[in-house]
Amino acid sequence: MKWTDSLEIAIALAEKHPDIDPKTIRFTDLFDWVQALDDFADDPSHCGEKILEAIQMAWIDEVS
């Protein structure tokens, strides 16, 4: 996965952290959690606030 795979990342995060409300997560934690995913392989410098926001929104949609 790459930073641009927001839906795929959101699904993986929802599976790995089922008890977390994605509306309450801090972007610093989200950044770390995405990089810790087994299938994730991308340069941390390619991530910005808009990408994290897209991942968070996809995660919210996934669990709603």
Protein backbone atom coordinates (compact mmCIF):
# COMPACT_ATOMS: atom_id res chain seq x y z
CA MET A 1 0.00 0.00 0.00
CA LYS A 2 0.98 3.58 -0.63
CA TRP A 3 -0.23 6.82 1.00
CA THR A 4 -2.67 7.32 -1.87
CA ASP A 5 -4.47 4.03 -1.14
CA SER A 6 -6.74 5.69 1.43
CA LEU A 7 -9.61 3.20 1.23
CA GLU A 8 -7.35 0.16 1.44
CA ILE A 9 -5.50 1.75 4.38
CA ALA A 10 -8.80 2.60 6.08
CA ILE A 11 -9.99 -1.00 5.80
CA ALA A 12 -6.72 -2.30 7.22
CA LEU A 13 -6.85 0.19 10.11
CA ALA A 14 -10.47 -0.71 10.89
CA GLU A 15 -9.49 -4.38 11.07
CA LYS A 16 -6.37 -3.76 13.15
CA HIS A 17 -7.97 -1.23 15.54
CA PRO A 18 -11.65 -2.25 15.82
CA ASP A 19 -12.18 -0.47 19.16
CA ILE A 20 -10.93 2.93 17.95
CA ASP A 21 -13.31 5.69 16.89
CA PRO A 22 -11.56 7.20 13.85
CA LYS A 23 -13.15 10.58 14.61
CA THR A 24 -11.03 10.86 17.75
CA ILE A 25 -7.63 9.84 16.40
CA ARG A 26 -4.80 12.37 16.23
CA PHE A 27 -2.99 12.70 12.91
CA THR A 28 0.33 11.91 14.60
CA ASP A 29 -1.07 8.55 15.75
CA LEU A 30 -2.70 7.91 12.39
CA PHE A 31 0.61 8.59 10.63
CA ASP A 32 2.38 6.05 12.87
CA TRP A 33 -0.37 3.43 12.61
CA VAL A 34 -0.42 3.58 8.81
CA GLN A 35 3.33 3.05 8.65
CA ALA A 36 3.01 0.08 11.03
CA LEU A 37 0.59 -1.76 8.73
CA ASP A 38 2.11 -4.98 7.36
CA ASP A 39 1.36 -4.24 3.71
CA PHE A 40 2.32 -0.56 3.83
CA ALA A 41 5.46 0.50 1.99
CA ASP A 42 5.85 4.16 1.10
CA ASP A 43 8.09 7.10 1.92
CA PRO A 44 6.92 8.97 5.05
CA SER A 45 7.81 12.26 3.35
CA HIS A 46 5.07 11.62 0.77
CA CYS A 47 2.41 12.10 3.43
CA GLY A 48 0.72 15.34 4.35
CA GLU A 49 -2.31 16.56 6.25
CA LYS A 50 -4.63 16.15 3.24
CA ILE A 51 -3.63 12.50 2.84
CA LEU A 52 -4.17 11.79 6.54
CA GLU A 53 -7.53 13.53 6.36
CA ALA A 54 -8.55 11.37 3.37
CA ILE A 55 -7.52 8.22 5.25
CA GLN A 56 -9.44 9.34 8.34
CA MET A 57 -12.57 10.11 6.29
CA ALA A 58 -12.38 6.73 4.54
CA TRP A 59 -11.99 5.01 7.91
CA ILE A 60 -15.01 6.88 9.28
CA ASP A 61 -17.04 5.81 6.23
CA GLU A 62 -15.82 2.22 6.64
CA VAL A 63 -17.02 1.89 10.24
CA SER A 64 -20.26 3.85 9.84
